[in-house]
Protein backbone atom coordinates (compact mmCIF):
# COMPACT_ATOMS: atom_id res chain seq x y z
CA UNK A 1 -0.61 20.98 -119.90
CA UNK A 2 1.13 19.95 -116.67
CA UNK A 3 -0.87 17.47 -114.59
CA UNK A 4 -0.56 19.48 -111.38
CA UNK A 5 -2.68 22.24 -112.93
CA UNK A 6 -5.67 19.90 -112.76
CA UNK A 7 -5.14 19.26 -109.05
CA UNK A 8 -4.94 22.87 -107.88
CA UNK A 9 -7.71 25.35 -107.00
CA UNK A 10 -9.20 26.81 -110.17
CA UNK A 11 -8.04 30.35 -109.42
CA UNK A 12 -4.44 29.17 -108.90
CA UNK A 13 -4.57 26.97 -112.01
CA UNK A 14 -5.63 30.02 -114.03
CA UNK A 15 -2.68 32.03 -112.70
CA UNK A 16 -0.41 29.10 -113.60
CA UNK A 17 -1.78 29.01 -117.16
CA UNK A 18 -1.15 32.70 -117.68
CA UNK A 19 2.37 32.33 -116.31
CA UNK A 20 3.04 29.26 -118.48
CA UNK A 21 1.96 31.13 -121.62
CA UNK A 22 4.29 34.03 -120.82
CA UNK A 23 7.14 31.65 -119.95
CA UNK A 24 7.00 29.64 -123.18
CA UNK A 25 9.94 31.43 -124.81
CA UNK A 26 11.81 32.57 -121.69
CA UNK A 27 15.58 31.99 -122.14
CA UNK A 28 17.16 29.33 -119.93
CA UNK A 29 19.97 30.35 -117.57
CA UNK A 30 22.96 28.28 -118.66
CA UNK A 31 26.04 28.67 -116.42
CA UNK A 32 29.17 26.67 -117.28
CA UNK A 33 28.60 24.23 -114.40
CA UNK A 34 25.45 22.83 -112.82
CA UNK A 35 26.37 22.98 -109.15
CA UNK A 36 25.15 24.78 -106.05
CA UNK A 37 27.19 26.90 -103.63
CA UNK A 38 27.84 24.20 -101.03
CA UNK A 39 30.64 21.66 -101.29
CA UNK A 40 29.53 18.22 -99.96
CA UNK A 41 31.36 17.40 -96.73
CA UNK A 42 30.62 13.67 -96.98
CA UNK A 43 33.42 13.39 -99.55
CA UNK A 44 35.92 13.60 -96.69
CA UNK A 45 35.71 9.81 -96.47
CA UNK A 46 37.67 9.66 -99.73
CA UNK A 47 40.78 10.79 -97.86
CA UNK A 48 42.15 14.21 -96.95
CA UNK A 49 44.24 14.72 -100.11
CA UNK A 50 41.38 13.73 -102.41
CA UNK A 51 38.97 15.95 -100.46
CA UNK A 52 41.28 18.98 -100.73
CA UNK A 53 41.53 18.39 -104.48
CA UNK A 54 37.76 18.16 -104.71
CA UNK A 55 37.34 21.45 -102.80
CA UNK A 56 39.77 23.22 -105.15
CA UNK A 57 37.97 21.93 -108.22
CA UNK A 58 34.55 22.73 -106.73
CA UNK A 59 35.68 26.26 -105.89
CA UNK A 60 37.13 26.79 -109.38
CA UNK A 61 33.84 25.75 -110.98
CA UNK A 62 31.91 27.98 -108.60
CA UNK A 63 34.05 31.00 -109.42
CA UNK A 64 33.65 30.34 -113.12
CA UNK A 65 29.89 30.26 -112.60
CA UNK A 66 30.06 33.55 -110.69
CA UNK A 67 32.08 35.19 -113.48
CA UNK A 68 29.42 34.03 -115.93
CA UNK A 69 26.74 35.48 -113.66
CA UNK A 70 28.45 38.87 -113.44
CA UNK A 71 29.00 39.00 -117.21
CA UNK A 72 25.41 38.06 -118.08
CA UNK A 73 23.33 39.67 -115.34
CA UNK A 74 22.43 42.75 -117.38
CA UNK A 75 21.35 40.59 -120.33
CA UNK A 76 19.16 38.62 -117.91
CA UNK A 77 17.52 41.87 -116.82
CA UNK A 78 16.74 42.67 -120.44
CA UNK A 79 15.06 39.28 -120.70
CA UNK A 80 13.08 39.94 -117.53
CA UNK A 81 12.00 43.33 -118.86
CA UNK A 82 10.53 41.68 -121.95
CA UNK A 83 8.74 39.06 -119.86
CA UNK A 84 7.16 41.58 -117.46
CA UNK A 85 6.04 43.73 -120.38
CA UNK A 86 3.65 40.88 -121.26
CA UNK A 87 1.84 41.74 -118.01
CA UNK A 88 1.86 45.47 -118.74
CA UNK A 89 4.75 46.09 -116.33
CA UNK A 90 7.46 48.62 -117.23
CA UNK A 91 10.48 47.41 -115.28
CA UNK A 92 13.36 49.66 -114.20
CA UNK A 93 15.76 50.01 -111.29
CA UNK A 94 14.46 53.53 -110.66
CA UNK A 95 11.70 54.06 -108.10
CA UNK A 96 8.88 53.93 -110.65
CA UNK A 97 10.12 50.75 -112.31
CA UNK A 98 10.80 49.10 -108.94
CA UNK A 99 7.30 49.96 -107.70
CA UNK A 100 5.80 48.43 -110.84
CA UNK A 101 7.65 45.13 -110.37
CA UNK A 102 6.89 45.11 -106.64
CA UNK A 103 3.18 45.56 -107.37
CA UNK A 104 3.26 42.73 -109.94
CA UNK A 105 4.63 40.15 -107.47
CA UNK A 106 1.44 39.49 -105.44
CA UNK A 107 -0.75 37.16 -107.46
CA UNK A 108 1.93 36.50 -110.07
CA UNK A 109 5.34 35.45 -108.74
CA UNK A 110 3.74 32.59 -106.79
CA UNK A 111 2.45 31.06 -110.03
CA UNK A 112 5.84 30.71 -111.72
CA UNK A 113 6.75 27.27 -110.29
CA UNK A 114 4.61 24.79 -108.38
CA UNK A 115 5.31 23.37 -104.91
CA UNK A 116 8.01 25.83 -103.86
CA UNK A 117 7.73 24.73 -100.23
CA UNK A 118 9.12 21.30 -101.08
CA UNK A 119 12.83 20.91 -100.40
CA UNK A 120 13.24 18.98 -103.65
CA UNK A 121 12.08 22.06 -105.56
CA UNK A 122 14.35 24.28 -103.50
CA UNK A 123 17.33 22.14 -104.46
CA UNK A 124 16.44 22.27 -108.16
CA UNK A 125 16.71 26.05 -107.82
CA UNK A 126 19.83 26.39 -105.68
CA UNK A 127 21.76 23.59 -107.42
CA UNK A 128 21.30 25.39 -110.76
CA UNK A 129 19.73 22.30 -112.31
CA UNK A 130 18.52 22.90 -115.89
CA UNK A 131 15.40 25.04 -115.48
CA UNK A 132 13.28 23.67 -118.28
CA UNK A 133 9.75 22.24 -118.50
CA UNK A 134 7.92 22.60 -115.20
CA UNK A 135 10.99 24.36 -113.76
CA UNK A 136 11.17 27.09 -116.40
CA UNK A 137 9.76 29.67 -114.01
CA UNK A 138 12.93 29.35 -111.92
CA UNK A 139 14.68 31.40 -114.60
CA UNK A 140 12.32 34.28 -113.79
CA UNK A 141 12.74 33.86 -110.02
CA UNK A 142 16.51 33.93 -110.47
CA UNK A 143 16.30 37.03 -112.67
CA UNK A 144 14.00 38.73 -110.17
CA UNK A 145 16.78 38.09 -107.66
CA UNK A 146 19.23 39.83 -109.99
CA UNK A 147 16.79 42.73 -110.29
CA UNK A 148 16.45 42.93 -106.50
CA UNK A 149 20.23 43.03 -106.06
CA UNK A 150 20.76 45.58 -108.82
CA UNK A 151 18.09 47.85 -107.33
CA UNK A 152 19.89 47.75 -103.98
CA UNK A 153 23.36 48.42 -105.41
CA UNK A 154 22.03 51.21 -107.63
CA UNK A 155 20.91 53.06 -104.48
CA UNK A 156 24.05 52.46 -102.44
CA UNK A 157 27.33 52.51 -104.35
CA UNK A 158 29.18 50.96 -101.41
CA UNK A 159 27.35 47.70 -102.06
CA UNK A 160 28.42 45.07 -104.58
CA UNK A 161 28.02 41.42 -105.56
CA UNK A 162 30.36 38.80 -104.11
CA UNK A 163 30.69 35.04 -104.40
CA UNK A 164 30.28 33.30 -101.05
CA UNK A 165 30.44 29.49 -101.25
CA UNK A 166 29.83 27.20 -98.30
CA UNK A 167 29.53 23.54 -97.40
CA UNK A 168 26.93 21.08 -96.16
CA UNK A 169 26.87 17.36 -95.47
CA UNK A 170 25.35 16.44 -98.83
CA UNK A 171 25.80 19.68 -100.77
CA UNK A 172 22.19 20.81 -100.27
CA UNK A 173 21.65 24.57 -100.08
CA UNK A 174 19.14 27.24 -99.11
CA UNK A 175 21.28 30.11 -100.44
CA UNK A 176 22.63 30.90 -103.89
CA UNK A 177 26.16 31.89 -102.88
CA UNK A 178 25.71 35.21 -104.73
CA UNK A 179 25.47 37.92 -102.10
CA UNK A 180 25.41 41.68 -101.77
CA UNK A 181 28.21 42.91 -99.49
CA UNK A 182 29.67 46.22 -98.34
CA UNK A 183 27.13 47.14 -95.65
CA UNK A 184 28.23 49.46 -92.85
CA UNK A 185 27.63 46.66 -90.37
CA UNK A 186 29.68 43.67 -91.57
CA UNK A 187 27.13 41.37 -89.96
CA UNK A 188 24.52 42.47 -92.52
CA UNK A 189 24.24 40.45 -95.70
CA UNK A 190 21.77 39.87 -98.53
CA UNK A 191 21.26 36.90 -100.84
CA UNK A 192 18.75 38.36 -103.33
CA UNK A 193 17.98 35.03 -105.02
CA UNK A 194 17.14 33.40 -101.69
CA UNK A 195 14.92 36.34 -100.76
CA UNK A 196 13.06 36.13 -104.05
CA UNK A 197 12.59 32.39 -103.70
CA UNK A 198 11.03 32.95 -100.27
CA UNK A 199 8.82 35.75 -101.61
CA UNK A 200 7.59 33.51 -104.43
CA UNK A 201 7.05 30.67 -101.95
CA UNK A 202 4.92 32.92 -99.74
CA UNK A 203 3.04 34.23 -102.77
CA UNK A 204 2.24 30.66 -103.85
CA UNK A 205 0.79 29.92 -100.40
CA UNK A 206 -1.39 33.01 -100.69
CA UNK A 207 -2.53 32.09 -104.19
CA UNK A 208 -3.45 28.60 -103.02
CA UNK A 209 -5.52 30.01 -100.14
CA UNK A 210 -7.06 32.77 -102.26
CA UNK A 211 -5.87 35.42 -99.78
CA UNK A 212 -3.52 37.43 -101.97
CA UNK A 213 -1.52 40.34 -100.59
CA UNK A 214 -1.50 39.51 -96.88
CA UNK A 215 2.21 38.63 -96.76
CA UNK A 216 3.44 39.48 -100.26
CA UNK A 217 1.77 42.83 -100.76
CA UNK A 218 2.43 45.42 -103.44
CA UNK A 219 5.20 47.23 -101.54
CA UNK A 220 7.16 44.26 -100.17
CA UNK A 221 9.93 44.15 -102.76
CA UNK A 222 10.25 47.93 -102.92
CA UNK A 223 10.38 48.08 -99.13
CA UNK A 224 13.14 45.48 -98.97
CA UNK A 225 15.17 47.45 -101.50
CA UNK A 226 14.81 50.62 -99.45
CA UNK A 227 15.72 48.76 -96.27
CA UNK A 228 18.89 47.08 -97.56
CA UNK A 229 20.04 50.09 -99.57
CA UNK A 230 19.96 52.24 -96.42
CA UNK A 231 22.21 49.93 -94.37
């Protein structure tokens, strides 16, 4: 058993144990390339020509990853359905299935991975590092993001997934680069994976304090779907 379970409040450790048992056989997300959405700007010091070449190669790998994501997202939802069934949840993109997943999140999604508030953990998620061992729960968080996005697009056919890469000094990221676009107001945007990471982060804080449902309550995810789908 992971050492951090022994250092956490007993009620949180118990939630972690239940999550770990359910996660034992959860399939790992395996894109072609292990890279995040942001190209490192510090590589400019290699020279302009070399940097342009790096950007082109980085972008090509990112687009290959996005193609993989689009091709496999429905299979990932099937995997998530099987996982949630272990908790008695019948998942679906319809209102009933969405409400069931939304109600499961408080007290559960915060137990999937420890220490989500740490930037190091955030980078493991957004850089698509292999999500094995103590990081295995990131596969579920990622798939919950897919579910969130699919619920939104199912309710508004003008909306769709796009790939939106960026850059940062060292390549670090707080977004996945996989966004929902097509809103009436072009200033609106949604990164479902980032939203789910934040929801799980907040749920972990609540689990640690023992005050479950104050921020991540049973209708949060369903409410976000309704909100974004109406824009």
